[in-house]
Amino acid sequence: MFNFTGPTNTLNIGARNSEATKQVLKELGIPILAEDVGGSYGRTIEISSENGRLMVKTIGYGVKYI
């Protein structure tokens, strides 16, 4: 959500969280079928327990299902 410049990766929290999550999923043998990461905008997600669909809502970018 924030754009920081410079040589350090310390403040790049979103990218670090994404990579850490991908690593844990890989270790657990859980495949990633789709993703919506990066950019400079926040997301709200809702998962349907009935069908497993994930809804991603963003301000200015609408709603999509993955």
N, C-alpha and C. Protein backbone atom coordinates (compact mmCIF):
# COMPACT_ATOMS: atom_id res chain seq x y z
N MET A 1 0.81 -1.19 0.00
CA MET A 1 0.00 0.00 0.00
C MET A 1 0.85 1.25 0.00
N PHE A 2 2.11 1.11 0.34
CA PHE A 2 3.00 2.26 0.40
C PHE A 2 4.18 2.00 -0.53
N ASN A 3 4.68 3.05 -1.13
CA ASN A 3 5.78 2.92 -2.06
C ASN A 3 7.04 3.49 -1.42
N PHE A 4 7.97 2.62 -1.04
CA PHE A 4 9.22 3.04 -0.44
C PHE A 4 10.33 2.81 -1.45
N THR A 5 11.27 3.72 -1.50
CA THR A 5 12.41 3.56 -2.40
C THR A 5 13.67 3.40 -1.57
N GLY A 6 14.65 2.80 -2.17
CA GLY A 6 15.92 2.60 -1.47
C GLY A 6 16.36 1.16 -1.56
N PRO A 7 17.60 0.90 -1.13
CA PRO A 7 18.18 -0.43 -1.27
C PRO A 7 17.68 -1.46 -0.26
N THR A 8 17.00 -1.04 0.78
CA THR A 8 16.61 -1.97 1.84
C THR A 8 15.26 -2.62 1.55
N ASN A 9 15.12 -3.85 1.98
CA ASN A 9 13.88 -4.58 1.82
C ASN A 9 13.09 -4.59 3.13
N THR A 10 13.59 -3.90 4.15
CA THR A 10 12.99 -3.91 5.48
C THR A 10 11.55 -3.42 5.48
N LEU A 11 11.26 -2.38 4.73
CA LEU A 11 9.92 -1.81 4.75
C LEU A 11 8.98 -2.42 3.71
N ASN A 12 9.45 -3.37 2.93
CA ASN A 12 8.64 -4.01 1.90
C ASN A 12 7.87 -5.18 2.52
N ILE A 13 6.98 -4.86 3.45
CA ILE A 13 6.29 -5.86 4.26
C ILE A 13 5.39 -6.75 3.41
N GLY A 14 4.64 -6.18 2.49
CA GLY A 14 3.73 -6.97 1.67
C GLY A 14 4.44 -8.05 0.88
N ALA A 15 5.53 -7.69 0.24
CA ALA A 15 6.29 -8.67 -0.56
C ALA A 15 6.90 -9.74 0.34
N ARG A 16 7.38 -9.35 1.49
CA ARG A 16 7.95 -10.34 2.42
C ARG A 16 6.88 -11.29 2.94
N ASN A 17 5.70 -10.77 3.26
CA ASN A 17 4.60 -11.61 3.72
C ASN A 17 4.19 -12.59 2.62
N SER A 18 4.10 -12.10 1.40
CA SER A 18 3.72 -12.94 0.27
C SER A 18 4.72 -14.08 0.08
N GLU A 19 6.00 -13.76 0.09
CA GLU A 19 7.03 -14.79 -0.10
C GLU A 19 7.04 -15.80 1.04
N ALA A 20 6.87 -15.33 2.27
CA ALA A 20 6.85 -16.23 3.43
C ALA A 20 5.65 -17.18 3.34
N THR A 21 4.50 -16.66 2.94
CA THR A 21 3.31 -17.49 2.79
C THR A 21 3.50 -18.53 1.71
N LYS A 22 4.07 -18.12 0.58
CA LYS A 22 4.32 -19.07 -0.51
C LYS A 22 5.28 -20.17 -0.07
N GLN A 23 6.27 -19.83 0.72
CA GLN A 23 7.23 -20.82 1.19
C GLN A 23 6.56 -21.84 2.11
N VAL A 24 5.73 -21.38 3.03
CA VAL A 24 5.04 -22.29 3.94
C VAL A 24 4.09 -23.20 3.17
N LEU A 25 3.34 -22.64 2.22
CA LEU A 25 2.44 -23.46 1.42
C LEU A 25 3.21 -24.52 0.64
N LYS A 26 4.37 -24.15 0.11
CA LYS A 26 5.21 -25.10 -0.62
C LYS A 26 5.66 -26.22 0.30
N GLU A 27 6.11 -25.87 1.50
CA GLU A 27 6.56 -26.87 2.46
C GLU A 27 5.43 -27.82 2.86
N LEU A 28 4.21 -27.33 2.89
CA LEU A 28 3.06 -28.15 3.25
C LEU A 28 2.47 -28.90 2.06
N GLY A 29 3.02 -28.65 0.88
CA GLY A 29 2.53 -29.33 -0.33
C GLY A 29 1.19 -28.81 -0.82
N ILE A 30 0.89 -27.55 -0.51
CA ILE A 30 -0.37 -26.94 -0.93
C ILE A 30 -0.10 -26.09 -2.17
N PRO A 31 -0.69 -26.44 -3.30
CA PRO A 31 -0.44 -25.67 -4.52
C PRO A 31 -1.16 -24.33 -4.52
N ILE A 32 -0.56 -23.34 -5.15
CA ILE A 32 -1.19 -22.04 -5.33
C ILE A 32 -1.84 -22.06 -6.71
N LEU A 33 -3.16 -21.91 -6.74
CA LEU A 33 -3.90 -21.95 -8.00
C LEU A 33 -4.11 -20.57 -8.59
N ALA A 34 -4.10 -19.54 -7.76
CA ALA A 34 -4.28 -18.17 -8.22
C ALA A 34 -3.76 -17.24 -7.13
N GLU A 35 -3.44 -16.01 -7.52
CA GLU A 35 -3.01 -15.02 -6.53
C GLU A 35 -3.37 -13.63 -7.00
N ASP A 36 -3.50 -12.74 -6.03
CA ASP A 36 -3.74 -11.32 -6.29
C ASP A 36 -2.91 -10.57 -5.27
N VAL A 37 -1.68 -10.23 -5.64
CA VAL A 37 -0.74 -9.59 -4.73
C VAL A 37 -0.08 -8.41 -5.41
N GLY A 38 0.61 -7.60 -4.62
CA GLY A 38 1.36 -6.47 -5.16
C GLY A 38 0.50 -5.24 -5.35
N GLY A 39 1.08 -4.27 -5.97
CA GLY A 39 0.37 -3.02 -6.21
C GLY A 39 0.40 -2.12 -4.99
N SER A 40 -0.32 -1.03 -5.09
CA SER A 40 -0.32 -0.05 -4.01
C SER A 40 -1.74 0.20 -3.51
N TYR A 41 -2.53 -0.87 -3.43
CA TYR A 41 -3.90 -0.74 -2.95
C TYR A 41 -4.23 -1.93 -2.06
N GLY A 42 -5.11 -1.70 -1.11
CA GLY A 42 -5.50 -2.75 -0.19
C GLY A 42 -6.59 -3.63 -0.76
N ARG A 43 -6.78 -4.75 -0.11
CA ARG A 43 -7.79 -5.71 -0.54
C ARG A 43 -8.57 -6.19 0.67
N THR A 44 -9.83 -6.54 0.42
CA THR A 44 -10.65 -7.24 1.39
C THR A 44 -11.03 -8.55 0.73
N ILE A 45 -10.90 -9.66 1.46
CA ILE A 45 -11.23 -10.95 0.87
C ILE A 45 -12.31 -11.65 1.69
N GLU A 46 -13.11 -12.43 0.99
CA GLU A 46 -14.12 -13.28 1.62
C GLU A 46 -14.06 -14.62 0.92
N ILE A 47 -14.04 -15.70 1.71
CA ILE A 47 -14.03 -17.05 1.14
C ILE A 47 -15.37 -17.71 1.40
N SER A 48 -15.87 -18.40 0.40
CA SER A 48 -17.13 -19.12 0.52
C SER A 48 -16.86 -20.53 1.01
N SER A 49 -17.44 -20.89 2.15
CA SER A 49 -17.26 -22.25 2.66
C SER A 49 -18.09 -23.26 1.85
N GLU A 50 -19.03 -22.76 1.06
CA GLU A 50 -19.87 -23.65 0.24
C GLU A 50 -19.13 -24.15 -0.99
N ASN A 51 -18.37 -23.24 -1.66
CA ASN A 51 -17.75 -23.64 -2.93
C ASN A 51 -16.25 -23.34 -3.00
N GLY A 52 -15.68 -22.73 -1.97
CA GLY A 52 -14.25 -22.46 -1.94
C GLY A 52 -13.81 -21.25 -2.75
N ARG A 53 -14.75 -20.53 -3.36
CA ARG A 53 -14.38 -19.35 -4.14
C ARG A 53 -13.93 -18.23 -3.23
N LEU A 54 -12.93 -17.50 -3.68
CA LEU A 54 -12.41 -16.38 -2.92
C LEU A 54 -12.77 -15.08 -3.65
N MET A 55 -13.47 -14.19 -2.95
CA MET A 55 -13.82 -12.89 -3.53
C MET A 55 -12.80 -11.87 -3.05
N VAL A 56 -12.26 -11.10 -3.99
CA VAL A 56 -11.29 -10.05 -3.69
C VAL A 56 -11.93 -8.72 -4.06
N LYS A 57 -12.12 -7.85 -3.05
CA LYS A 57 -12.70 -6.52 -3.27
C LYS A 57 -11.61 -5.47 -3.11
N THR A 58 -11.56 -4.53 -4.05
CA THR A 58 -10.61 -3.43 -3.97
C THR A 58 -11.32 -2.13 -4.34
N ILE A 59 -10.92 -1.07 -3.68
CA ILE A 59 -11.46 0.24 -4.03
C ILE A 59 -10.79 0.69 -5.31
N GLY A 60 -11.59 1.03 -6.29
CA GLY A 60 -11.07 1.51 -7.57
C GLY A 60 -10.75 0.41 -8.56
N TYR A 61 -10.73 -0.86 -8.11
CA TYR A 61 -10.43 -1.97 -9.01
C TYR A 61 -11.55 -3.00 -9.04
N GLY A 62 -12.61 -2.77 -8.27
CA GLY A 62 -13.77 -3.63 -8.32
C GLY A 62 -13.64 -4.92 -7.55
N VAL A 63 -14.45 -5.88 -7.96
CA VAL A 63 -14.53 -7.18 -7.30
C VAL A 63 -14.15 -8.25 -8.32
N LYS A 64 -13.39 -9.24 -7.87
CA LYS A 64 -13.12 -10.37 -8.74
C LYS A 64 -13.08 -11.64 -7.90
N TYR A 65 -13.28 -12.76 -8.54
CA TYR A 65 -13.29 -14.06 -7.88
C TYR A 65 -12.13 -14.89 -8.39
N ILE A 66 -11.42 -15.50 -7.44
CA ILE A 66 -10.32 -16.39 -7.82
C ILE A 66 -10.45 -17.69 -7.06
